[in-house]
Amino acid sequence: MELYHKIRKSRLPWYLFYIGLTMELIIVIIDKSNYTNPIEGRLFQVTFLFFFLKLLLTAYTRKEWGVILLLELIAVVSYRVTGGNDLIRLVTFVAACKEIPLKEMLRYAFYMTLVGCTVIVLLSVSGLYGEISLTQAFGRESAETTLYIGVEPSEETRYTLGMGHPNALACMFLMLVAMGTYVYFDKMKWYSYLFLMLLNAGVYKLAGSKTSMLITTAFLVGACAMRYCGFLRKSMVTYLCGLLVFTFCVGFSVDAAVCAQRVREAQWNEFFYLNPYDNQHIVMLGRIDQQISGRIKSLTETERKDGMIQTWSLFSEPENRKHYFDMGWVKLFYRYGILPGILYVLAQLVLLWQIYKRRDACGLVVFVVMAVYTVVEAHLISVYIGRNFLLMMMGSYLLPVPKLDKKT
């Protein structure tokens, strides 16, 4: 027992955590490149081992152990039902974040991701590895001209800079901006936000991803406003607005999963019969769907209607791990199950409460922007722990560093 306490107070737990985190981040970078990782599953097992050892060498209260064990039990049930160990890895990682300073974690993740993305871009631009651009139809045309009339969608060329798809390039830029801004929020000046806004315009010019460009713009405007408006940082109303936005994002996604087939039929009826033959609610969803490139309608494109609420179940099922779509909150409930999805949403709400208690203004902006982004993109809802830096915030805020005993 004495040896255990000695090891726990040493730097070994810190090293174990960062070895695991480094591997997870490298896995994300490899995934974003053109290379297919043949041992990805085995590497996930290795990183889990490092985080699990870190967990065993960390001090938790009885209440924390109770929550961790309960969540691990639910994760094991999910594994037995679906065959996917994502939730076991996720719970273990979040628990292992305890006693690791948040800014330290995010700074490390930011620089690792930045270096990795830079290497991918340089290899692509130099012609050594990875395609620099992609030419295909990106779905800019409306359903009226392609799906209904049958007109061939026009192709265009967008830049990927080695990341496989232009949306991946724009997405990684957003993640880097969010992480970097959060880490250096207190030091950033107005011209830093202006510079990042210009870079955002440049990435949009290359990738053509309107969604990522608008989300990145909203993040930079929100972070800048929080930086220079003290009353926004302190006001409870600001954080309440964040809660309302988060609730709307999740509620909208559930609504979309319920009504996707009716939205599809209403759009068809409106085009051919000039009348949607449905209520204003469905018409409004249809209008929104047109602005988000048919993401709601895409839930109806398979025989099973994968993603629609009838394909959701308490702990999901193996078939739900085979189909992919963009709507992140829908994917959460579809792929991982209703119960794990609800628990994740509850954990996000507790995180928001902790952000409010600490008056973490930039944390609020990150939280809200990622909630909105997850409506239309599933980047954060994936098997890759290194993608979702909100998990680090959850681990740090929900499992705070214990206070040291004062010497008498």
Protein backbone atom coordinates (compact mmCIF):
# COMPACT_ATOMS: atom_id res chain seq x y z
CA MET A 1 0.00 0.00 0.00
CA GLU A 2 2.84 2.37 0.78
CA LEU A 3 4.39 1.61 -2.61
CA TYR A 4 1.04 2.30 -4.30
CA HIS A 5 0.75 5.74 -2.68
CA LYS A 6 4.35 6.48 -3.61
CA ILE A 7 3.70 5.61 -7.25
CA ARG A 8 0.45 7.59 -7.25
CA LYS A 9 2.26 10.71 -6.07
CA SER A 10 5.03 10.27 -8.64
CA ARG A 11 5.02 11.51 -12.24
CA LEU A 12 4.14 8.04 -13.55
CA PRO A 13 0.35 8.68 -13.76
CA TRP A 14 1.06 11.91 -15.66
CA TYR A 15 3.29 10.07 -18.14
CA LEU A 16 0.74 7.29 -18.61
CA PHE A 17 -1.99 9.81 -19.42
CA TYR A 18 0.07 11.77 -21.92
CA ILE A 19 1.35 8.67 -23.68
CA GLY A 20 -2.26 7.60 -24.20
CA LEU A 21 -3.34 11.10 -25.26
CA THR A 22 -0.43 11.38 -27.70
CA MET A 23 -1.41 8.11 -29.34
CA GLU A 24 -5.07 9.17 -29.59
CA LEU A 25 -4.10 12.46 -31.24
CA ILE A 26 -1.77 10.71 -33.69
CA ILE A 27 -4.61 8.31 -34.58
CA VAL A 28 -6.82 11.33 -35.38
CA ILE A 29 -4.12 12.86 -37.59
CA ILE A 30 -3.64 9.57 -39.45
CA ASP A 31 -7.42 9.36 -39.95
CA LYS A 32 -7.46 12.85 -41.46
CA SER A 33 -4.69 11.93 -43.91
CA ASN A 34 -5.07 9.68 -46.96
CA TYR A 35 -3.44 6.78 -45.13
CA THR A 36 -5.61 3.90 -43.91
CA ASN A 37 -4.47 2.73 -40.50
CA PRO A 38 -4.52 -1.12 -40.50
CA ILE A 39 -3.98 -1.44 -36.73
CA GLU A 40 -6.34 1.28 -35.53
CA GLY A 41 -8.40 -1.08 -33.37
CA ARG A 42 -5.30 -2.49 -31.69
CA LEU A 43 -4.01 1.02 -30.99
CA PHE A 44 -7.33 1.89 -29.33
CA GLN A 45 -6.82 -1.05 -26.99
CA VAL A 46 -3.32 0.19 -26.13
CA THR A 47 -4.50 3.73 -25.37
CA PHE A 48 -7.30 2.32 -23.23
CA LEU A 49 -4.70 0.43 -21.21
CA PHE A 50 -2.73 3.61 -20.54
CA PHE A 51 -5.83 5.54 -19.45
CA PHE A 52 -7.01 2.63 -17.32
CA LEU A 53 -3.65 2.49 -15.52
CA LYS A 54 -3.84 6.25 -14.98
CA LEU A 55 -7.34 5.78 -13.53
CA LEU A 56 -6.08 3.13 -11.09
CA LEU A 57 -3.35 5.52 -9.92
CA THR A 58 -5.71 8.45 -9.30
CA ALA A 59 -7.52 9.36 -6.08
CA TYR A 60 -11.31 9.49 -6.34
CA THR A 61 -13.98 10.02 -3.73
CA ARG A 62 -16.50 7.26 -3.02
CA LYS A 63 -19.13 9.22 -4.92
CA GLU A 64 -16.82 9.58 -7.92
CA TRP A 65 -16.00 5.85 -7.86
CA GLY A 66 -19.72 5.09 -7.74
CA VAL A 67 -20.42 7.24 -10.81
CA ILE A 68 -17.40 5.85 -12.70
CA LEU A 69 -18.35 2.24 -11.99
CA LEU A 70 -22.00 2.84 -12.94
CA LEU A 71 -21.00 4.44 -16.25
CA GLU A 72 -18.48 1.69 -16.95
CA LEU A 73 -21.21 -0.89 -16.32
CA ILE A 74 -23.50 0.83 -18.81
CA ALA A 75 -20.59 1.02 -21.27
CA VAL A 76 -19.96 -2.72 -20.87
CA VAL A 77 -23.63 -3.45 -21.55
CA SER A 78 -23.36 -1.30 -24.69
CA TYR A 79 -20.27 -3.29 -25.74
CA ARG A 80 -22.09 -6.59 -25.23
CA VAL A 81 -25.03 -5.37 -27.32
CA THR A 82 -23.26 -3.55 -30.17
CA GLY A 83 -19.77 -5.03 -30.17
CA GLY A 84 -18.26 -1.54 -30.02
CA ASN A 85 -16.02 -0.55 -27.10
CA ASP A 86 -16.23 3.21 -27.77
CA LEU A 87 -18.12 4.00 -24.56
CA ILE A 88 -15.75 2.00 -22.34
CA ARG A 89 -12.82 3.95 -23.76
CA LEU A 90 -14.66 7.26 -23.45
CA VAL A 91 -15.66 6.80 -19.80
CA THR A 92 -12.15 5.65 -18.88
CA PHE A 93 -10.57 8.62 -20.65
CA VAL A 94 -12.82 11.19 -18.98
CA ALA A 95 -12.16 9.65 -15.56
CA ALA A 96 -8.41 9.58 -16.25
CA CYS A 97 -8.42 13.35 -16.90
CA LYS A 98 -8.66 14.00 -13.17
CA GLU A 99 -5.63 15.79 -11.68
CA ILE A 100 -4.45 16.83 -15.17
CA PRO A 101 -4.77 20.64 -15.55
CA LEU A 102 -7.26 21.52 -18.31
CA LYS A 103 -5.25 24.26 -20.03
CA GLU A 104 -2.20 21.98 -20.00
CA MET A 105 -4.17 19.19 -21.71
CA LEU A 106 -5.72 21.46 -24.30
CA ARG A 107 -2.44 23.24 -25.03
CA TYR A 108 -0.79 19.91 -25.68
CA ALA A 109 -3.71 18.71 -27.85
CA PHE A 110 -3.67 22.00 -29.76
CA TYR A 111 0.01 21.86 -30.65
CA MET A 112 -0.04 18.14 -31.44
CA THR A 113 -3.00 18.64 -33.76
CA LEU A 114 -1.48 21.76 -35.30
CA VAL A 115 1.82 20.02 -36.03
CA GLY A 116 0.04 16.96 -37.42
CA CYS A 117 -2.20 19.01 -39.72
CA THR A 118 0.77 21.09 -40.86
CA VAL A 119 2.68 17.93 -41.80
CA ILE A 120 -0.31 16.65 -43.80
CA VAL A 121 -0.62 19.99 -45.64
CA LEU A 122 3.11 20.23 -46.39
CA LEU A 123 3.24 16.66 -47.70
CA SER A 124 0.27 17.38 -49.95
CA VAL A 125 1.47 20.74 -51.25
CA SER A 126 4.94 19.35 -51.94
CA GLY A 127 3.45 16.45 -53.88
CA LEU A 128 5.01 13.81 -51.64
CA TYR A 129 1.80 12.33 -50.25
CA GLY A 130 -1.90 13.09 -50.36
CA GLU A 131 -4.10 14.77 -52.94
CA ILE A 132 -4.14 18.55 -52.85
CA SER A 133 -7.66 18.89 -54.27
CA LEU A 134 -10.82 16.94 -55.00
CA THR A 135 -13.07 17.25 -58.04
CA GLN A 136 -16.61 15.96 -57.67
CA ALA A 137 -20.22 17.06 -57.22
CA PHE A 138 -20.59 18.55 -53.74
CA GLY A 139 -24.37 18.80 -53.67
CA ARG A 140 -24.69 22.54 -54.19
CA GLU A 141 -27.69 22.08 -56.47
CA SER A 142 -31.17 21.86 -55.01
CA ALA A 143 -33.17 18.64 -54.88
CA GLU A 144 -35.49 20.10 -57.50
CA THR A 145 -32.74 20.08 -60.14
CA THR A 146 -31.09 16.77 -59.24
CA LEU A 147 -33.32 14.34 -57.35
CA TYR A 148 -36.67 15.36 -58.82
CA ILE A 149 -35.82 16.44 -62.36
CA GLY A 150 -32.79 14.19 -62.77
CA VAL A 151 -30.28 16.81 -63.88
CA GLU A 152 -26.70 15.64 -63.43
CA PRO A 153 -25.06 17.57 -60.55
CA SER A 154 -22.17 19.72 -61.73
CA GLU A 155 -18.67 18.97 -60.57
CA GLU A 156 -16.28 21.47 -59.05
CA THR A 157 -12.78 21.43 -57.65
CA ARG A 158 -12.11 22.21 -54.00
CA TYR A 159 -8.91 21.98 -52.03
CA THR A 160 -8.33 19.28 -49.42
CA LEU A 161 -4.59 19.86 -48.77
CA GLY A 162 -4.10 16.17 -48.03
CA MET A 163 -7.10 15.69 -45.73
CA GLY A 164 -9.22 13.67 -48.11
CA HIS A 165 -12.20 16.02 -48.25
CA PRO A 166 -12.55 19.83 -48.19
CA ASN A 167 -15.01 19.60 -45.30
CA ALA A 168 -12.33 17.79 -43.26
CA LEU A 169 -9.91 20.66 -43.95
CA ALA A 170 -12.45 23.26 -42.81
CA CYS A 171 -13.44 21.16 -39.80
CA MET A 172 -9.88 20.79 -38.54
CA PHE A 173 -9.35 24.53 -38.93
CA LEU A 174 -12.41 25.15 -36.75
CA MET A 175 -11.15 22.74 -34.09
CA LEU A 176 -7.70 24.35 -34.05
CA VAL A 177 -9.22 27.83 -33.78
CA ALA A 178 -11.48 26.73 -30.91
CA MET A 179 -8.71 24.97 -28.96
CA GLY A 180 -6.13 27.70 -29.53
CA THR A 181 -8.52 30.49 -28.59
CA TYR A 182 -9.58 28.69 -25.42
CA VAL A 183 -5.98 28.12 -24.34
CA TYR A 184 -4.83 31.69 -25.03
CA PHE A 185 -8.12 33.49 -24.43
CA ASP A 186 -6.79 35.82 -21.72
CA LYS A 187 -3.83 36.88 -23.87
CA MET A 188 -5.56 37.41 -27.21
CA LYS A 189 -6.10 40.94 -28.55
CA TRP A 190 -8.66 42.21 -31.03
CA TYR A 191 -6.22 41.93 -33.92
CA SER A 192 -5.74 38.22 -33.13
CA TYR A 193 -9.42 37.66 -33.85
CA LEU A 194 -9.16 39.75 -37.02
CA PHE A 195 -6.21 37.65 -38.20
CA LEU A 196 -8.11 34.42 -37.52
CA MET A 197 -11.13 35.82 -39.36
CA LEU A 198 -8.97 36.45 -42.41
CA LEU A 199 -7.58 32.92 -42.20
CA ASN A 200 -11.17 31.67 -41.96
CA ALA A 201 -12.01 33.50 -45.18
CA GLY A 202 -8.97 31.93 -46.81
CA VAL A 203 -9.93 28.41 -45.73
CA TYR A 204 -13.45 29.01 -47.05
CA LYS A 205 -12.00 30.09 -50.37
CA LEU A 206 -10.03 26.83 -50.54
CA ALA A 207 -12.56 24.36 -49.11
CA GLY A 208 -15.88 26.01 -49.94
CA SER A 209 -17.43 24.74 -46.70
CA LYS A 210 -20.10 27.30 -45.85
CA THR A 211 -21.14 25.56 -42.63
CA SER A 212 -17.66 25.49 -41.10
CA MET A 213 -17.00 29.06 -42.20
CA LEU A 214 -20.17 30.36 -40.54
CA ILE A 215 -19.58 28.34 -37.36
CA THR A 216 -15.96 29.54 -37.12
CA THR A 217 -17.11 33.13 -37.67
CA ALA A 218 -19.72 32.79 -34.95
CA PHE A 219 -17.11 31.37 -32.58
CA LEU A 220 -14.62 34.19 -33.20
CA VAL A 221 -17.30 36.88 -32.81
CA GLY A 222 -18.58 35.26 -29.61
CA ALA A 223 -15.11 34.82 -28.12
CA CYS A 224 -14.13 38.40 -28.98
CA ALA A 225 -17.35 39.72 -27.43
CA MET A 226 -16.66 37.76 -24.24
CA ARG A 227 -13.08 39.02 -24.18
CA TYR A 228 -14.01 42.69 -24.28
CA CYS A 229 -17.46 42.78 -22.65
CA GLY A 230 -17.10 42.07 -18.95
CA PHE A 231 -20.84 42.17 -18.28
CA LEU A 232 -21.37 39.27 -20.70
CA ARG A 233 -18.82 37.14 -18.88
CA LYS A 234 -20.49 37.65 -15.51
CA SER A 235 -24.18 37.76 -16.39
CA MET A 236 -26.28 34.69 -15.62
CA VAL A 237 -28.46 35.59 -18.63
CA THR A 238 -25.54 34.89 -20.99
CA TYR A 239 -25.13 31.35 -19.65
CA LEU A 240 -28.90 30.84 -19.66
CA CYS A 241 -28.90 31.72 -23.36
CA GLY A 242 -26.22 29.08 -23.83
CA LEU A 243 -28.48 26.53 -22.13
CA LEU A 244 -31.38 27.51 -24.40
CA VAL A 245 -29.24 27.14 -27.53
CA PHE A 246 -28.00 23.73 -26.39
CA THR A 247 -31.54 22.56 -25.59
CA PHE A 248 -32.76 23.77 -28.98
CA CYS A 249 -29.94 21.96 -30.81
CA VAL A 250 -30.70 18.61 -29.17
CA GLY A 251 -34.47 19.11 -29.46
CA PHE A 252 -34.23 20.09 -33.13
CA SER A 253 -32.16 16.99 -33.88
CA VAL A 254 -34.66 14.69 -32.19
CA ASP A 255 -37.48 16.43 -34.05
CA ALA A 256 -35.63 15.93 -37.34
CA ALA A 257 -35.23 12.22 -36.62
CA VAL A 258 -38.98 11.94 -35.95
CA CYS A 259 -40.17 13.94 -38.98
CA ALA A 260 -37.57 13.22 -41.68
CA GLN A 261 -39.90 11.11 -43.85
CA ARG A 262 -42.68 13.70 -43.67
CA VAL A 263 -40.16 16.41 -44.60
CA ARG A 264 -39.14 14.41 -47.65
CA GLU A 265 -42.75 13.87 -48.72
CA ALA A 266 -43.68 17.52 -48.13
CA GLN A 267 -40.79 18.74 -50.27
CA TRP A 268 -41.85 16.34 -53.03
CA ASN A 269 -45.47 17.44 -52.84
CA GLU A 270 -44.55 21.11 -52.83
CA PHE A 271 -42.43 20.73 -55.95
CA PHE A 272 -44.86 18.66 -58.00
CA TYR A 273 -48.23 19.79 -56.64
CA LEU A 274 -47.29 23.29 -55.34
CA ASN A 275 -48.61 22.26 -51.93
CA PRO A 276 -46.71 20.39 -49.18
CA TYR A 277 -49.93 18.85 -47.85
CA ASP A 278 -48.60 19.08 -44.31
CA ASN A 279 -48.57 21.53 -41.42
CA GLN A 280 -46.36 24.57 -40.89
CA HIS A 281 -44.05 22.67 -38.58
CA ILE A 282 -43.05 20.24 -41.35
CA VAL A 283 -42.84 23.06 -43.89
CA MET A 284 -40.47 24.94 -41.59
CA LEU A 285 -38.29 21.86 -41.14
CA GLY A 286 -38.23 21.51 -44.91
CA ARG A 287 -37.04 25.09 -45.32
CA ILE A 288 -34.30 24.51 -42.75
CA ASP A 289 -33.35 21.26 -44.47
CA GLN A 290 -32.78 23.12 -47.71
CA GLN A 291 -30.34 25.43 -45.92
CA ILE A 292 -28.37 22.54 -44.40
CA SER A 293 -27.89 20.63 -47.66
CA GLY A 294 -30.66 18.09 -47.13
CA ARG A 295 -29.28 16.58 -43.95
CA ILE A 296 -32.75 15.85 -42.56
CA LYS A 297 -33.88 14.23 -45.79
CA SER A 298 -30.69 12.14 -45.85
CA LEU A 299 -32.02 10.17 -42.86
CA THR A 300 -34.57 8.57 -45.19
CA GLU A 301 -32.17 7.40 -47.90
CA THR A 302 -31.64 3.82 -46.72
CA GLU A 303 -34.13 0.98 -46.65
CA ARG A 304 -34.13 0.97 -42.84
CA LYS A 305 -34.37 4.78 -42.68
CA ASP A 306 -31.14 4.77 -40.66
CA GLY A 307 -31.05 7.66 -38.24
CA MET A 308 -34.79 8.13 -37.99
CA ILE A 309 -36.17 7.58 -34.52
CA GLN A 310 -37.62 4.15 -35.30
CA THR A 311 -34.03 2.89 -35.72
CA TRP A 312 -33.06 4.11 -32.23
CA SER A 313 -33.04 1.68 -29.30
CA LEU A 314 -32.02 1.69 -25.65
CA PHE A 315 -28.46 0.46 -26.30
CA SER A 316 -28.40 0.64 -30.11
CA GLU A 317 -27.57 -2.46 -32.17
CA PRO A 318 -24.66 -3.74 -34.30
CA GLU A 319 -26.30 -2.62 -37.58
CA ASN A 320 -26.23 0.99 -36.38
CA ARG A 321 -22.43 1.03 -36.51
CA LYS A 322 -22.37 0.51 -40.28
CA HIS A 323 -24.20 3.59 -41.56
CA TYR A 324 -22.84 7.15 -41.46
CA PHE A 325 -24.52 10.53 -41.80
CA ASP A 326 -23.72 14.10 -40.84
CA MET A 327 -26.17 14.99 -38.06
CA GLY A 328 -24.12 14.55 -34.88
CA TRP A 329 -26.81 14.60 -32.20
CA VAL A 330 -28.89 12.15 -34.21
CA LYS A 331 -25.82 9.94 -34.61
CA LEU A 332 -25.28 10.02 -30.83
CA PHE A 333 -28.66 8.40 -30.12
CA TYR A 334 -28.68 6.21 -33.23
CA ARG A 335 -25.18 4.76 -32.90
CA TYR A 336 -24.79 4.56 -29.12
CA GLY A 337 -28.36 4.17 -27.92
CA ILE A 338 -30.98 6.28 -26.19
CA LEU A 339 -29.68 5.69 -22.64
CA PRO A 340 -26.01 6.50 -23.41
CA GLY A 341 -27.21 9.46 -25.46
CA ILE A 342 -29.24 10.85 -22.57
CA LEU A 343 -26.32 10.35 -20.18
CA TYR A 344 -24.00 12.24 -22.54
CA VAL A 345 -26.48 15.11 -22.80
CA LEU A 346 -26.82 15.20 -19.00
CA ALA A 347 -23.02 15.25 -18.66
CA GLN A 348 -22.94 18.19 -21.08
CA LEU A 349 -25.52 20.02 -18.95
CA VAL A 350 -23.43 19.44 -15.82
CA LEU A 351 -20.41 20.73 -17.73
CA LEU A 352 -22.37 23.87 -18.64
CA TRP A 353 -23.27 24.34 -14.96
CA GLN A 354 -19.60 24.12 -14.01
CA ILE A 355 -18.73 26.58 -16.77
CA TYR A 356 -21.28 28.99 -15.31
CA LYS A 357 -20.00 28.54 -11.74
CA ARG A 358 -16.48 29.35 -12.90
CA ARG A 359 -17.67 32.12 -15.23
CA ASP A 360 -15.60 30.45 -17.96
CA ALA A 361 -16.65 32.82 -20.74
CA CYS A 362 -14.63 31.25 -23.55
CA GLY A 363 -15.68 27.81 -22.33
CA LEU A 364 -19.29 28.89 -22.83
CA VAL A 365 -18.60 30.00 -26.39
CA VAL A 366 -16.84 26.70 -27.14
CA PHE A 367 -19.71 24.75 -25.58
CA VAL A 368 -22.44 26.56 -27.51
CA VAL A 369 -20.64 26.61 -30.86
CA MET A 370 -19.85 22.89 -30.66
CA ALA A 371 -23.48 22.16 -29.76
CA VAL A 372 -24.61 24.00 -32.91
CA TYR A 373 -21.91 22.38 -35.05
CA THR A 374 -22.95 18.92 -33.88
CA VAL A 375 -26.45 19.50 -35.26
CA VAL A 376 -25.08 19.34 -38.81
CA GLU A 377 -21.73 17.55 -38.42
CA ALA A 378 -20.73 14.40 -36.51
CA HIS A 379 -17.04 15.22 -36.02
CA LEU A 380 -17.25 15.14 -32.21
CA ILE A 381 -19.45 12.02 -32.07
CA SER A 382 -17.00 9.36 -33.16
CA VAL A 383 -14.71 6.54 -32.07
CA TYR A 384 -11.82 9.02 -32.02
CA ILE A 385 -11.41 10.41 -28.50
CA GLY A 386 -8.79 12.87 -29.76
CA ARG A 387 -11.40 14.64 -31.89
CA ASN A 388 -13.66 15.66 -29.03
CA PHE A 389 -11.76 18.04 -26.77
CA LEU A 390 -14.98 18.66 -24.83
CA LEU A 391 -14.21 15.32 -23.17
CA MET A 392 -11.12 16.91 -21.61
CA MET A 393 -13.27 19.77 -20.30
CA MET A 394 -15.73 17.24 -18.87
CA GLY A 395 -12.96 15.28 -17.18
CA SER A 396 -11.41 18.39 -15.69
CA TYR A 397 -14.61 20.16 -14.61
CA LEU A 398 -16.64 17.17 -13.47
CA LEU A 399 -13.73 15.59 -11.60
CA PRO A 400 -11.91 18.56 -10.04
CA VAL A 401 -8.41 18.37 -8.61
CA PRO A 402 -8.71 17.63 -4.87
CA LYS A 403 -7.63 20.40 -2.51
CA LEU A 404 -4.36 19.79 -0.78
CA ASP A 405 -4.39 19.55 2.97
CA LYS A 406 -2.98 22.64 4.62
CA LYS A 407 0.07 22.12 6.72
CA THR A 408 -0.39 22.91 10.38
